[in-house]
Amino acid sequence: ADVSAENRPIALMYSVQGAFGSPEGLAHHVLTDAGLRNGAAIVGLKKGDHLSKEGVVRAHPDYLILPEVASVSRGDQSADELAAAVASDPAYAELPAVQRGHILRIPDAYRYCSSHHYIDGVVLLHEAVYGPLP
């Protein structure tokens, strides 16, 4: 509440298909409830789509939120390899998230599930960005 909406960091949820999080989706609400701005919504992502690399660059995220486990990987690529590929992608070299090492890895249940894990994801992201809750 102490940080005005326009000054909150921009974050993007990222999967092997690219960044996601339309304003109608769960990821958008996890991000915004955690006190972040959803970069996918800022650049106009439509429901069911993923951002291209160009869209990710336009969003200019302060944080990239990636999966923690390999169950969401493509082929034999591990989640560690996905994170390394994103961090070393020349297209992303100028993004604040990459420059500052703000590539967060969280469980899929916090990214895709609207159960009790919803608030777990909100708290985890909020604390990763703003520090521990009082």
C-alpha atoms as a PDB file:
ATOM      1  CA  ALA A   1       0.000   0.000   0.000  1.00  0.00           C
ATOM      2  CA  ASP A   2       2.976   2.308   0.507  1.00  0.00           C
ATOM      3  CA  VAL A   3       3.989   2.050  -3.158  1.00  0.00           C
ATOM      4  CA  SER A   4       1.750   3.817  -5.666  1.00  0.00           C
ATOM      5  CA  ALA A   5       0.376   1.678  -8.497  1.00  0.00           C
ATOM      6  CA  GLU A   6       2.485   3.386 -11.163  1.00  0.00           C
ATOM      7  CA  ASN A   7       5.689   2.817  -9.157  1.00  0.00           C
ATOM      8  CA  ARG A   8       5.175  -0.885  -8.499  1.00  0.00           C
ATOM      9  CA  PRO A   9       7.619  -3.223 -10.236  1.00  0.00           C
ATOM     10  CA  ILE A  10       6.587  -4.914 -13.471  1.00  0.00           C
ATOM     11  CA  ALA A  11       6.592  -8.716 -13.465  1.00  0.00           C
ATOM     12  CA  LEU A  12       5.958 -11.369 -16.099  1.00  0.00           C
ATOM     13  CA  MET A  13       5.013 -14.988 -15.595  1.00  0.00           C
ATOM     14  CA  TYR A  14       7.126 -17.038 -17.986  1.00  0.00           C
ATOM     15  CA  SER A  15       6.771 -20.595 -19.287  1.00  0.00           C
ATOM     16  CA  VAL A  16       8.359 -22.626 -22.072  1.00  0.00           C
ATOM     17  CA  GLN A  17       5.783 -21.094 -24.421  1.00  0.00           C
ATOM     18  CA  GLY A  18       6.781 -17.583 -23.380  1.00  0.00           C
ATOM     19  CA  ALA A  19       5.350 -14.953 -21.072  1.00  0.00           C
ATOM     20  CA  PHE A  20       1.683 -15.257 -20.170  1.00  0.00           C
ATOM     21  CA  GLY A  21      -0.861 -13.552 -17.941  1.00  0.00           C
ATOM     22  CA  SER A  22      -3.753 -11.851 -19.685  1.00  0.00           C
ATOM     23  CA  PRO A  23      -5.763  -9.448 -17.514  1.00  0.00           C
ATOM     24  CA  GLU A  24      -8.562 -12.048 -17.318  1.00  0.00           C
ATOM     25  CA  GLY A  25      -6.320 -14.812 -15.985  1.00  0.00           C
ATOM     26  CA  LEU A  26      -5.199 -16.127 -12.635  1.00  0.00           C
ATOM     27  CA  ALA A  27      -1.564 -15.090 -13.114  1.00  0.00           C
ATOM     28  CA  HIS A  28      -2.642 -11.455 -13.478  1.00  0.00           C
ATOM     29  CA  HIS A  29      -4.418 -11.525 -10.146  1.00  0.00           C
ATOM     30  CA  VAL A  30      -1.556 -13.291  -8.355  1.00  0.00           C
ATOM     31  CA  LEU A  31       0.834 -10.601  -9.598  1.00  0.00           C
ATOM     32  CA  THR A  32      -1.388  -7.630  -8.845  1.00  0.00           C
ATOM     33  CA  ASP A  33      -2.428  -8.942  -5.420  1.00  0.00           C
ATOM     34  CA  ALA A  34       1.290  -9.329  -4.641  1.00  0.00           C
ATOM     35  CA  GLY A  35       1.756  -5.611  -5.353  1.00  0.00           C
ATOM     36  CA  LEU A  36       3.228  -5.957  -8.840  1.00  0.00           C
ATOM     37  CA  ARG A  37       2.172  -4.717 -12.255  1.00  0.00           C
ATOM     38  CA  ASN A  38       1.508  -7.407 -14.835  1.00  0.00           C
ATOM     39  CA  GLY A  39       3.722  -6.707 -17.843  1.00  0.00           C
ATOM     40  CA  ALA A  40       1.623  -8.952 -20.083  1.00  0.00           C
ATOM     41  CA  ALA A  41      -1.457  -6.847 -19.359  1.00  0.00           C
ATOM     42  CA  ILE A  42       0.497  -3.617 -19.867  1.00  0.00           C
ATOM     43  CA  VAL A  43       1.409  -4.606 -23.435  1.00  0.00           C
ATOM     44  CA  GLY A  44      -2.111  -5.868 -24.223  1.00  0.00           C
ATOM     45  CA  LEU A  45      -1.802  -9.665 -24.110  1.00  0.00           C
ATOM     46  CA  LYS A  46      -5.077 -11.353 -25.059  1.00  0.00           C
ATOM     47  CA  LYS A  47      -6.566 -14.332 -23.216  1.00  0.00           C
ATOM     48  CA  GLY A  48      -5.001 -17.630 -24.269  1.00  0.00           C
ATOM     49  CA  ASP A  49      -1.953 -16.048 -25.925  1.00  0.00           C
ATOM     50  CA  HIS A  50       1.713 -15.832 -24.977  1.00  0.00           C
ATOM     51  CA  LEU A  51       3.983 -12.871 -25.547  1.00  0.00           C
ATOM     52  CA  SER A  52       6.612 -12.993 -28.226  1.00  0.00           C
ATOM     53  CA  LYS A  53      10.178 -12.062 -27.299  1.00  0.00           C
ATOM     54  CA  GLU A  54       9.411  -8.615 -28.680  1.00  0.00           C
ATOM     55  CA  GLY A  55       6.432  -8.361 -26.336  1.00  0.00           C
ATOM     56  CA  VAL A  56       8.586  -9.346 -23.373  1.00  0.00           C
ATOM     57  CA  VAL A  57      11.083  -6.629 -24.298  1.00  0.00           C
ATOM     58  CA  ARG A  58       8.248  -4.063 -24.644  1.00  0.00           C
ATOM     59  CA  ALA A  59       6.933  -5.015 -21.190  1.00  0.00           C
ATOM     60  CA  HIS A  60      10.413  -4.273 -19.758  1.00  0.00           C
ATOM     61  CA  PRO A  61       9.910  -6.416 -16.630  1.00  0.00           C
ATOM     62  CA  ASP A  62      11.691  -5.874 -13.350  1.00  0.00           C
ATOM     63  CA  TYR A  63      10.959  -9.520 -12.430  1.00  0.00           C
ATOM     64  CA  LEU A  64      10.522 -12.707 -14.449  1.00  0.00           C
ATOM     65  CA  ILE A  65       8.608 -15.488 -12.699  1.00  0.00           C
ATOM     66  CA  LEU A  66       9.628 -18.952 -13.942  1.00  0.00           C
ATOM     67  CA  PRO A  67       8.689 -22.484 -12.918  1.00  0.00           C
ATOM     68  CA  GLU A  68      10.539 -24.218 -10.143  1.00  0.00           C
ATOM     69  CA  VAL A  69      10.329 -27.769 -11.480  1.00  0.00           C
ATOM     70  CA  ALA A  70      10.956 -29.501 -14.792  1.00  0.00           C
ATOM     71  CA  SER A  71       7.385 -30.774 -15.185  1.00  0.00           C
ATOM     72  CA  VAL A  72       6.639 -27.750 -17.342  1.00  0.00           C
ATOM     73  CA  SER A  73       9.726 -28.072 -19.505  1.00  0.00           C
ATOM     74  CA  ARG A  74       9.774 -28.757 -23.220  1.00  0.00           C
ATOM     75  CA  GLY A  75      11.239 -32.106 -24.221  1.00  0.00           C
ATOM     76  CA  ASP A  76      14.226 -32.947 -22.077  1.00  0.00           C
ATOM     77  CA  GLN A  77      14.938 -29.342 -21.050  1.00  0.00           C
ATOM     78  CA  SER A  78      14.929 -28.915 -17.293  1.00  0.00           C
ATOM     79  CA  ALA A  79      13.519 -25.918 -15.478  1.00  0.00           C
ATOM     80  CA  ASP A  80      17.130 -24.999 -14.655  1.00  0.00           C
ATOM     81  CA  GLU A  81      17.971 -25.010 -18.356  1.00  0.00           C
ATOM     82  CA  LEU A  82      14.929 -22.854 -19.118  1.00  0.00           C
ATOM     83  CA  ALA A  83      16.010 -20.315 -16.494  1.00  0.00           C
ATOM     84  CA  ALA A  84      19.562 -20.299 -17.856  1.00  0.00           C
ATOM     85  CA  ALA A  85      18.296 -19.854 -21.431  1.00  0.00           C
ATOM     86  CA  VAL A  86      16.112 -16.896 -20.424  1.00  0.00           C
ATOM     87  CA  ALA A  87      18.919 -15.286 -18.404  1.00  0.00           C
ATOM     88  CA  SER A  88      21.407 -15.619 -21.266  1.00  0.00           C
ATOM     89  CA  ASP A  89      19.084 -14.704 -24.151  1.00  0.00           C
ATOM     90  CA  PRO A  90      20.655 -11.705 -25.960  1.00  0.00           C
ATOM     91  CA  ALA A  91      17.161 -10.338 -26.648  1.00  0.00           C
ATOM     92  CA  TYR A  92      16.636  -9.988 -22.887  1.00  0.00           C
ATOM     93  CA  ALA A  93      20.067  -8.628 -21.958  1.00  0.00           C
ATOM     94  CA  GLU A  94      18.783  -5.078 -21.331  1.00  0.00           C
ATOM     95  CA  LEU A  95      15.776  -6.084 -19.235  1.00  0.00           C
ATOM     96  CA  PRO A  96      15.959  -4.966 -15.592  1.00  0.00           C
ATOM     97  CA  ALA A  97      14.924  -8.484 -14.514  1.00  0.00           C
ATOM     98  CA  VAL A  98      17.947 -10.019 -16.236  1.00  0.00           C
ATOM     99  CA  GLN A  99      20.416  -7.269 -15.377  1.00  0.00           C
ATOM    100  CA  ARG A 100      19.509  -7.401 -11.677  1.00  0.00           C
ATOM    101  CA  GLY A 101      19.161 -11.190 -11.485  1.00  0.00           C
ATOM    102  CA  HIS A 102      15.464 -10.920 -10.659  1.00  0.00           C
ATOM    103  CA  ILE A 103      14.461 -14.243 -12.151  1.00  0.00           C
ATOM    104  CA  LEU A 104      12.273 -15.868  -9.515  1.00  0.00           C
ATOM    105  CA  ARG A 105      11.322 -19.543  -9.560  1.00  0.00           C
ATOM    106  CA  ILE A 106       8.083 -20.569  -7.887  1.00  0.00           C
ATOM    107  CA  PRO A 107       6.028 -23.791  -7.748  1.00  0.00           C
ATOM    108  CA  ASP A 108       3.471 -24.355 -10.491  1.00  0.00           C
ATOM    109  CA  ALA A 109       0.726 -24.578  -7.876  1.00  0.00           C
ATOM    110  CA  TYR A 110       1.372 -20.890  -7.172  1.00  0.00           C
ATOM    111  CA  ARG A 111       1.184 -19.994 -10.871  1.00  0.00           C
ATOM    112  CA  TYR A 112      -1.739 -22.057 -12.145  1.00  0.00           C
ATOM    113  CA  CYS A 113      -3.935 -23.110  -9.216  1.00  0.00           C
ATOM    114  CA  SER A 114      -6.808 -21.157  -7.713  1.00  0.00           C
ATOM    115  CA  SER A 115      -6.892 -23.213  -4.512  1.00  0.00           C
ATOM    116  CA  HIS A 116      -5.397 -22.284  -1.153  1.00  0.00           C
ATOM    117  CA  HIS A 117      -2.085 -22.010  -3.046  1.00  0.00           C
ATOM    118  CA  TYR A 118      -3.306 -18.727  -4.539  1.00  0.00           C
ATOM    119  CA  ILE A 119      -2.454 -16.814  -1.384  1.00  0.00           C
ATOM    120  CA  ASP A 120       0.806 -18.769  -1.029  1.00  0.00           C
ATOM    121  CA  GLY A 121       1.854 -17.426  -4.421  1.00  0.00           C
ATOM    122  CA  VAL A 122       0.789 -13.895  -3.550  1.00  0.00           C
ATOM    123  CA  VAL A 123       2.729 -13.917  -0.275  1.00  0.00           C
ATOM    124  CA  LEU A 124       5.816 -15.546  -1.806  1.00  0.00           C
ATOM    125  CA  LEU A 125       6.020 -12.975  -4.606  1.00  0.00           C
ATOM    126  CA  HIS A 126       5.259 -10.035  -2.327  1.00  0.00           C
ATOM    127  CA  GLU A 127       7.983 -11.069   0.113  1.00  0.00           C
ATOM    128  CA  ALA A 128      10.483 -11.744  -2.693  1.00  0.00           C
ATOM    129  CA  VAL A 129      10.018  -8.176  -3.949  1.00  0.00           C
ATOM    130  CA  TYR A 130       9.206  -6.139  -0.836  1.00  0.00           C
ATOM    131  CA  GLY A 131      10.619  -8.225   2.031  1.00  0.00           C
ATOM    132  CA  PRO A 132       8.890 -10.134   4.843  1.00  0.00           C
ATOM    133  CA  LEU A 133       5.365  -9.256   5.820  1.00  0.00           C
ATOM    134  CA  PRO A 134       5.055  -7.842   9.320  1.00  0.00           C
END
